[in-house]
PDB file of N, CA and C in Angstrom:
ATOM      1  N   MET A   1     -15.796   0.745   5.560  1.00  0.00           N
ATOM      2  CA  MET A   1     -14.891   0.656   5.722  1.00  0.00           C
ATOM      3  C   MET A   1     -13.380   1.520   6.028  1.00  0.00           C
ATOM      4  N   GLU A   2     -13.118   2.301   6.680  1.00  0.00           N
ATOM      5  CA  GLU A   2     -11.350   3.465   6.033  1.00  0.00           C
ATOM      6  C   GLU A   2     -10.183   2.661   6.464  1.00  0.00           C
ATOM      7  N   ALA A   3      -9.838   3.201   5.439  1.00  0.00           N
ATOM      8  CA  ALA A   3      -8.071   2.739   5.446  1.00  0.00           C
ATOM      9  C   ALA A   3      -7.720   2.481   6.824  1.00  0.00           C
ATOM     10  N   ALA A   4      -6.618   1.638   6.458  1.00  0.00           N
ATOM     11  CA  ALA A   4      -5.937   1.164   7.387  1.00  0.00           C
ATOM     12  C   ALA A   4      -4.173   0.978   7.018  1.00  0.00           C
ATOM     13  N   GLN A   5      -3.348   0.888   8.137  1.00  0.00           N
ATOM     14  CA  GLN A   5      -2.404   1.084   8.012  1.00  0.00           C
ATOM     15  C   GLN A   5      -1.234  -0.223   8.496  1.00  0.00           C
ATOM     16  N   TYR A   6      -0.639  -0.873   8.182  1.00  0.00           N
ATOM     17  CA  TYR A   6      -0.256  -1.746   8.703  1.00  0.00           C
ATOM     18  C   TYR A   6       1.535  -2.468   8.110  1.00  0.00           C
ATOM     19  N   ARG A   7       2.152  -2.010   9.096  1.00  0.00           N
ATOM     20  CA  ARG A   7       4.137  -2.582   9.081  1.00  0.00           C
ATOM     21  C   ARG A   7       4.105  -1.661   7.115  1.00  0.00           C
ATOM     22  N   GLY A   8       3.739  -0.241   7.582  1.00  0.00           N
ATOM     23  CA  GLY A   8       4.498   0.968   6.717  1.00  0.00           C
ATOM     24  C   GLY A   8       3.749   1.015   5.448  1.00  0.00           C
ATOM     25  N   TRP A   9       2.494  -0.068   5.160  1.00  0.00           N
ATOM     26  CA  TRP A   9       2.031   0.225   4.664  1.00  0.00           C
ATOM     27  C   TRP A   9       0.292   0.942   4.505  1.00  0.00           C
ATOM     28  N   ALA A  10      -0.488   1.089   3.052  1.00  0.00           N
ATOM     29  CA  ALA A  10      -1.236   1.717   3.393  1.00  0.00           C
ATOM     30  C   ALA A  10      -2.502   0.606   2.644  1.00  0.00           C
ATOM     31  N   ILE A  11      -3.333   0.402   3.287  1.00  0.00           N
ATOM     32  CA  ILE A  11      -4.493  -0.389   3.413  1.00  0.00           C
ATOM     33  C   ILE A  11      -6.413   0.330   2.783  1.00  0.00           C
ATOM     34  N   GLU A  12      -6.677  -0.052   1.428  1.00  0.00           N
ATOM     35  CA  GLU A  12      -7.506   0.532   1.202  1.00  0.00           C
ATOM     36  C   GLU A  12      -8.681  -0.695   1.222  1.00  0.00           C
ATOM     37  N   PRO A  13      -9.820  -0.913   1.837  1.00  0.00           N
ATOM     38  CA  PRO A  13     -10.839  -1.308   0.843  1.00  0.00           C
ATOM     39  C   PRO A  13     -11.549  -1.025  -0.048  1.00  0.00           C
ATOM     40  N   GLN A  14     -11.750  -1.680  -0.877  1.00  0.00           N
ATOM     41  CA  GLN A  14     -13.251  -1.364  -2.201  1.00  0.00           C
ATOM     42  C   GLN A  14     -13.231  -2.878  -2.419  1.00  0.00           C
ATOM     43  N   SER A  15     -14.563  -3.482  -1.858  1.00  0.00           N
ATOM     44  CA  SER A  15     -15.121  -4.259  -1.835  1.00  0.00           C
ATOM     45  C   SER A  15     -16.544  -3.517  -2.727  1.00  0.00           C
ATOM     46  N   TYR A  16     -16.938  -4.870  -3.464  1.00  0.00           N
ATOM     47  CA  TYR A  16     -17.578  -4.500  -4.924  1.00  0.00           C
ATOM     48  C   TYR A  16     -18.953  -5.149  -4.835  1.00  0.00           C
ATOM     49  N   GLU A  17     -19.945  -4.080  -5.206  1.00  0.00           N
ATOM     50  CA  GLU A  17     -21.329  -5.442  -5.333  1.00  0.00           C
ATOM     51  C   GLU A  17     -21.239  -6.031  -6.832  1.00  0.00           C
ATOM     52  N   SER A  18     -22.242  -7.407  -6.739  1.00  0.00           N
ATOM     53  CA  SER A  18     -21.383  -8.608  -7.692  1.00  0.00           C
ATOM     54  C   SER A  18     -22.682  -8.592  -8.247  1.00  0.00           C
ATOM     55  N   ASP A  19     -23.018  -9.193  -8.865  1.00  0.00           N
ATOM     56  CA  ASP A  19     -23.956  -9.948  -8.996  1.00  0.00           C
ATOM     57  C   ASP A  19     -25.043 -10.600  -7.688  1.00  0.00           C
ATOM     58  N   GLY A  20     -26.001 -10.561  -7.587  1.00  0.00           N
ATOM     59  CA  GLY A  20     -27.110 -11.513  -6.572  1.00  0.00           C
ATOM     60  C   GLY A  20     -26.849 -10.433  -5.813  1.00  0.00           C
ATOM     61  N   ARG A  21     -26.143  -9.442  -5.667  1.00  0.00           N
ATOM     62  CA  ARG A  21     -25.966  -8.430  -4.128  1.00  0.00           C
ATOM     63  C   ARG A  21     -25.743  -9.332  -3.591  1.00  0.00           C
ATOM     64  N   ARG A  22     -23.980  -9.668  -3.706  1.00  0.00           N
ATOM     65  CA  ARG A  22     -22.841 -10.297  -2.576  1.00  0.00           C
ATOM     66  C   ARG A  22     -22.195  -9.174  -3.165  1.00  0.00           C
ATOM     67  N   TRP A  23     -20.995  -9.533  -2.223  1.00  0.00           N
ATOM     68  CA  TRP A  23     -20.215  -8.338  -2.119  1.00  0.00           C
ATOM     69  C   TRP A  23     -18.859  -8.915  -1.970  1.00  0.00           C
ATOM     70  N   ARG A  24     -17.591  -9.361  -3.112  1.00  0.00           N
ATOM     71  CA  ARG A  24     -16.345  -9.153  -2.853  1.00  0.00           C
ATOM     72  C   ARG A  24     -15.312  -9.001  -2.181  1.00  0.00           C
ATOM     73  N   PRO A  25     -14.239  -9.047  -1.491  1.00  0.00           N
ATOM     74  CA  PRO A  25     -13.407  -8.304  -1.359  1.00  0.00           C
ATOM     75  C   PRO A  25     -12.540  -8.155  -2.301  1.00  0.00           C
ATOM     76  N   LYS A  26     -12.266  -6.795  -1.818  1.00  0.00           N
ATOM     77  CA  LYS A  26     -10.773  -6.054  -3.257  1.00  0.00           C
ATOM     78  C   LYS A  26      -9.847  -4.613  -1.951  1.00  0.00           C
ATOM     79  N   ALA A  27      -8.580  -5.328  -2.123  1.00  0.00           N
ATOM     80  CA  ALA A  27      -7.861  -3.854  -1.182  1.00  0.00           C
ATOM     81  C   ALA A  27      -7.323  -3.634  -1.936  1.00  0.00           C
ATOM     82  N   MET A  28      -6.793  -2.558  -2.275  1.00  0.00           N
ATOM     83  CA  MET A  28      -5.366  -1.470  -2.608  1.00  0.00           C
ATOM     84  C   MET A  28      -4.156  -1.868  -1.640  1.00  0.00           C
ATOM     85  N   VAL A  29      -3.115  -1.832  -2.119  1.00  0.00           N
ATOM     86  CA  VAL A  29      -2.475  -1.833  -0.903  1.00  0.00           C
ATOM     87  C   VAL A  29      -1.090  -0.921  -1.655  1.00  0.00           C
ATOM     88  N   SER A  30      -0.622   0.566  -0.171  1.00  0.00           N
ATOM     89  CA  SER A  30       0.333   0.722  -1.114  1.00  0.00           C
ATOM     90  C   SER A  30       1.447   1.749  -0.167  1.00  0.00           C
ATOM     91  N   ALA A  31       2.589   1.182  -0.647  1.00  0.00           N
ATOM     92  CA  ALA A  31       4.013   1.684   0.167  1.00  0.00           C
ATOM     93  C   ALA A  31       5.413   2.625  -0.911  1.00  0.00           C
ATOM     94  N   ALA A  32       5.466   3.198  -0.356  1.00  0.00           N
ATOM     95  CA  ALA A  32       6.718   4.335  -0.846  1.00  0.00           C
ATOM     96  C   ALA A  32       8.206   3.019  -0.744  1.00  0.00           C
ATOM     97  N   GLU A  33       8.696   2.842  -1.882  1.00  0.00           N
ATOM     98  CA  GLU A  33       9.151   1.863  -1.911  1.00  0.00           C
ATOM     99  C   GLU A  33      10.008   2.058  -3.222  1.00  0.00           C
ATOM    100  N   GLY A  34      11.626   2.653  -3.023  1.00  0.00           N
ATOM    101  CA  GLY A  34      12.768   2.861  -2.885  1.00  0.00           C
ATOM    102  C   GLY A  34      11.612   4.580  -3.584  1.00  0.00           C
ATOM    103  N   GLY A  35      11.934   4.746  -3.034  1.00  0.00           N
ATOM    104  CA  GLY A  35      10.637   6.638  -3.491  1.00  0.00           C
ATOM    105  C   GLY A  35      10.423   6.521  -4.344  1.00  0.00           C
ATOM    106  N   THR A  36       9.941   5.917  -4.613  1.00  0.00           N
ATOM    107  CA  THR A  36       8.702   5.424  -5.764  1.00  0.00           C
ATOM    108  C   THR A  36       7.409   5.201  -4.824  1.00  0.00           C
ATOM    109  N   LEU A  37       6.002   5.188  -4.719  1.00  0.00           N
ATOM    110  CA  LEU A  37       4.400   4.927  -3.946  1.00  0.00           C
ATOM    111  C   LEU A  37       4.798   4.339  -5.482  1.00  0.00           C
ATOM    112  N   ARG A  38       3.916   2.645  -4.013  1.00  0.00           N
ATOM    113  CA  ARG A  38       3.962   1.133  -5.424  1.00  0.00           C
ATOM    114  C   ARG A  38       2.544   0.763  -5.023  1.00  0.00           C
ATOM    115  N   THR A  39       1.107   0.973  -6.159  1.00  0.00           N
ATOM    116  CA  THR A  39       0.217  -0.046  -5.079  1.00  0.00           C
ATOM    117  C   THR A  39      -0.364  -1.433  -5.896  1.00  0.00           C
ATOM    118  N   TYR A  40      -1.060  -1.659  -5.185  1.00  0.00           N
ATOM    119  CA  TYR A  40      -0.892  -2.933  -5.847  1.00  0.00           C
ATOM    120  C   TYR A  40      -2.601  -3.477  -5.442  1.00  0.00           C
ATOM    121  N   PRO A  41      -3.367  -4.212  -6.506  1.00  0.00           N
ATOM    122  CA  PRO A  41      -4.365  -4.496  -5.994  1.00  0.00           C
ATOM    123  C   PRO A  41      -4.548  -6.004  -5.267  1.00  0.00           C
ATOM    124  N   VAL A  42      -5.702  -6.422  -4.354  1.00  0.00           N
ATOM    125  CA  VAL A  42      -5.316  -7.830  -4.161  1.00  0.00           C
ATOM    126  C   VAL A  42      -7.069  -8.123  -3.325  1.00  0.00           C
ATOM    127  N   SER A  43      -7.226  -9.372  -4.325  1.00  0.00           N
ATOM    128  CA  SER A  43      -8.539  -9.580  -4.374  1.00  0.00           C
ATOM    129  C   SER A  43      -8.410 -10.486  -4.228  1.00  0.00           C
ATOM    130  N   ALA A  44     -10.146 -10.904  -3.620  1.00  0.00           N
ATOM    131  CA  ALA A  44     -10.151 -12.687  -2.843  1.00  0.00           C
ATOM    132  C   ALA A  44     -10.964 -13.264  -4.811  1.00  0.00           C
ATOM    133  N   PRO A  45     -10.337 -15.288  -4.266  1.00  0.00           N
ATOM    134  CA  PRO A  45     -10.723 -16.382  -5.604  1.00  0.00           C
ATOM    135  C   PRO A  45     -12.365 -15.969  -5.491  1.00  0.00           C
ATOM    136  N   LEU A  46     -12.400 -15.402  -7.125  1.00  0.00           N
ATOM    137  CA  LEU A  46     -14.168 -15.232  -7.058  1.00  0.00           C
ATOM    138  C   LEU A  46     -15.203 -15.755  -6.583  1.00  0.00           C
ATOM    139  N   ASP A  47     -14.682 -17.492  -5.930  1.00  0.00           N
ATOM    140  CA  ASP A  47     -16.029 -18.047  -5.483  1.00  0.00           C
ATOM    141  C   ASP A  47     -16.817 -16.872  -4.127  1.00  0.00           C
ATOM    142  N   VAL A  48     -15.266 -16.446  -3.688  1.00  0.00           N
ATOM    143  CA  VAL A  48     -15.587 -15.765  -1.584  1.00  0.00           C
ATOM    144  C   VAL A  48     -16.369 -13.928  -1.978  1.00  0.00           C
ATOM    145  N   MET A  49     -17.949 -14.536  -1.474  1.00  0.00           N
ATOM    146  CA  MET A  49     -18.543 -13.203  -1.447  1.00  0.00           C
ATOM    147  C   MET A  49     -18.915 -13.636   0.027  1.00  0.00           C
ATOM    148  N   PHE A  50     -19.481 -12.346   0.114  1.00  0.00           N
ATOM    149  CA  PHE A  50     -20.292 -12.058   1.614  1.00  0.00           C
ATOM    150  C   PHE A  50     -21.793 -11.206   1.932  1.00  0.00           C
ATOM    151  N   ASP A  51     -22.684 -11.293   2.577  1.00  0.00           N
ATOM    152  CA  ASP A  51     -23.443 -10.142   2.558  1.00  0.00           C
ATOM    153  C   ASP A  51     -23.704  -9.022   2.504  1.00  0.00           C
ATOM    154  N   THR A  52     -22.793  -8.802   3.030  1.00  0.00           N
ATOM    155  CA  THR A  52     -22.373  -7.164   3.101  1.00  0.00           C
ATOM    156  C   THR A  52     -20.896  -6.701   2.582  1.00  0.00           C
ATOM    157  N   GLU A  53     -21.431  -5.610   2.756  1.00  0.00           N
ATOM    158  CA  GLU A  53     -19.706  -4.567   2.637  1.00  0.00           C
ATOM    159  C   GLU A  53     -18.977  -4.543   3.448  1.00  0.00           C
ATOM    160  N   ARG A  54     -19.973  -4.562   4.701  1.00  0.00           N
ATOM    161  CA  ARG A  54     -18.322  -5.221   5.944  1.00  0.00           C
ATOM    162  C   ARG A  54     -17.819  -5.775   6.161  1.00  0.00           C
ATOM    163  N   GLU A  55     -18.350  -6.770   6.007  1.00  0.00           N
ATOM    164  CA  GLU A  55     -18.068  -8.273   6.076  1.00  0.00           C
ATOM    165  C   GLU A  55     -17.065  -8.218   5.735  1.00  0.00           C
ATOM    166  N   ALA A  56     -16.852  -7.802   3.649  1.00  0.00           N
ATOM    167  CA  ALA A  56     -15.954  -8.144   2.663  1.00  0.00           C
ATOM    168  C   ALA A  56     -15.210  -7.018   2.640  1.00  0.00           C
ATOM    169  N   ASP A  57     -14.948  -5.669   4.216  1.00  0.00           N
ATOM    170  CA  ASP A  57     -14.069  -5.389   3.881  1.00  0.00           C
ATOM    171  C   ASP A  57     -13.523  -6.148   4.963  1.00  0.00           C
ATOM    172  N   GLY A  58     -13.619  -6.514   5.772  1.00  0.00           N
ATOM    173  CA  GLY A  58     -12.883  -6.441   6.491  1.00  0.00           C
ATOM    174  C   GLY A  58     -12.193  -8.355   6.299  1.00  0.00           C
ATOM    175  N   TYR A  59     -12.409  -8.799   5.566  1.00  0.00           N
ATOM    176  CA  TYR A  59     -12.134 -10.311   4.942  1.00  0.00           C
ATOM    177  C   TYR A  59     -11.177  -9.708   4.028  1.00  0.00           C
ATOM    178  N   ALA A  60     -11.310  -8.493   3.497  1.00  0.00           N
ATOM    179  CA  ALA A  60     -10.119  -7.808   2.262  1.00  0.00           C
ATOM    180  C   ALA A  60      -8.642  -6.653   3.742  1.00  0.00           C
ATOM    181  N   VAL A  61      -9.246  -7.079   4.266  1.00  0.00           N
ATOM    182  CA  VAL A  61      -8.565  -6.188   4.808  1.00  0.00           C
ATOM    183  C   VAL A  61      -7.262  -7.331   5.817  1.00  0.00           C
ATOM    184  N   ALA A  62      -7.880  -8.513   6.242  1.00  0.00           N
ATOM    185  CA  ALA A  62      -6.961  -9.458   6.226  1.00  0.00           C
ATOM    186  C   ALA A  62      -6.324 -10.151   5.573  1.00  0.00           C
ATOM    187  N   MET A  63      -7.053 -11.183   4.672  1.00  0.00           N
ATOM    188  CA  MET A  63      -5.797 -10.334   3.069  1.00  0.00           C
ATOM    189  C   MET A  63      -4.862  -9.430   2.725  1.00  0.00           C
ATOM    190  N   ALA A  64      -5.879  -8.508   1.983  1.00  0.00           N
ATOM    191  CA  ALA A  64      -4.323  -7.335   2.042  1.00  0.00           C
ATOM    192  C   ALA A  64      -2.737  -8.009   3.347  1.00  0.00           C
ATOM    193  N   LYS A  65      -3.373  -7.675   4.754  1.00  0.00           N
ATOM    194  CA  LYS A  65      -2.399  -8.176   5.602  1.00  0.00           C
ATOM    195  C   LYS A  65      -1.195  -9.220   5.876  1.00  0.00           C
ATOM    196  N   LYS A  66      -2.300 -10.151   5.109  1.00  0.00           N
ATOM    197  CA  LYS A  66      -1.605 -12.120   4.657  1.00  0.00           C
ATOM    198  C   LYS A  66      -0.492 -11.553   3.325  1.00  0.00           C
ATOM    199  N   TRP A  67      -1.415 -10.761   2.817  1.00  0.00           N
ATOM    200  CA  TRP A  67       0.048 -10.454   1.287  1.00  0.00           C
ATOM    201  C   TRP A  67       0.613  -9.809   2.272  1.00  0.00           C
ATOM    202  N   ILE A  68       0.365  -8.358   2.641  1.00  0.00           N
ATOM    203  CA  ILE A  68       1.857  -7.586   2.834  1.00  0.00           C
ATOM    204  C   ILE A  68       2.509  -8.683   3.892  1.00  0.00           C
ATOM    205  N   ASP A  69       2.820  -9.013   4.607  1.00  0.00           N
ATOM    206  CA  ASP A  69       3.358 -10.323   5.531  1.00  0.00           C
ATOM    207  C   ASP A  69       4.167 -11.770   4.504  1.00  0.00           C
ATOM    208  N   ASP A  70       3.351 -11.661   3.240  1.00  0.00           N
ATOM    209  CA  ASP A  70       3.764 -12.948   2.832  1.00  0.00           C
ATOM    210  C   ASP A  70       4.573 -12.560   1.461  1.00  0.00           C
ATOM    211  N   ARG A  71       5.092 -11.086   1.802  1.00  0.00           N
ATOM    212  CA  ARG A  71       5.787 -10.215   0.823  1.00  0.00           C
ATOM    213  C   ARG A  71       7.329 -10.294   1.992  1.00  0.00           C
ATOM    214  N   GLY A  72       7.042 -10.686   2.544  1.00  0.00           N
ATOM    215  CA  GLY A  72       8.553 -10.726   3.411  1.00  0.00           C
ATOM    216  C   GLY A  72       8.942  -9.810   4.196  1.00  0.00           C
TER     217      GLY A  72
END
């Protein structure tokens, strides 16, 4: 899945394959804050895994959007 934009933030899915050939959702979110580019990792709980990278990336993007919304 390609990078997405949401409310001024860039979201880059970085899901990765884990033991057992299952995929763990992860994303990097970044935005300029006070003139400095800030980047934050957003990872799912360890028990959240998917059968495909596409599913994991979709979850990662949704998780990152919620993280952005929760920041206010």
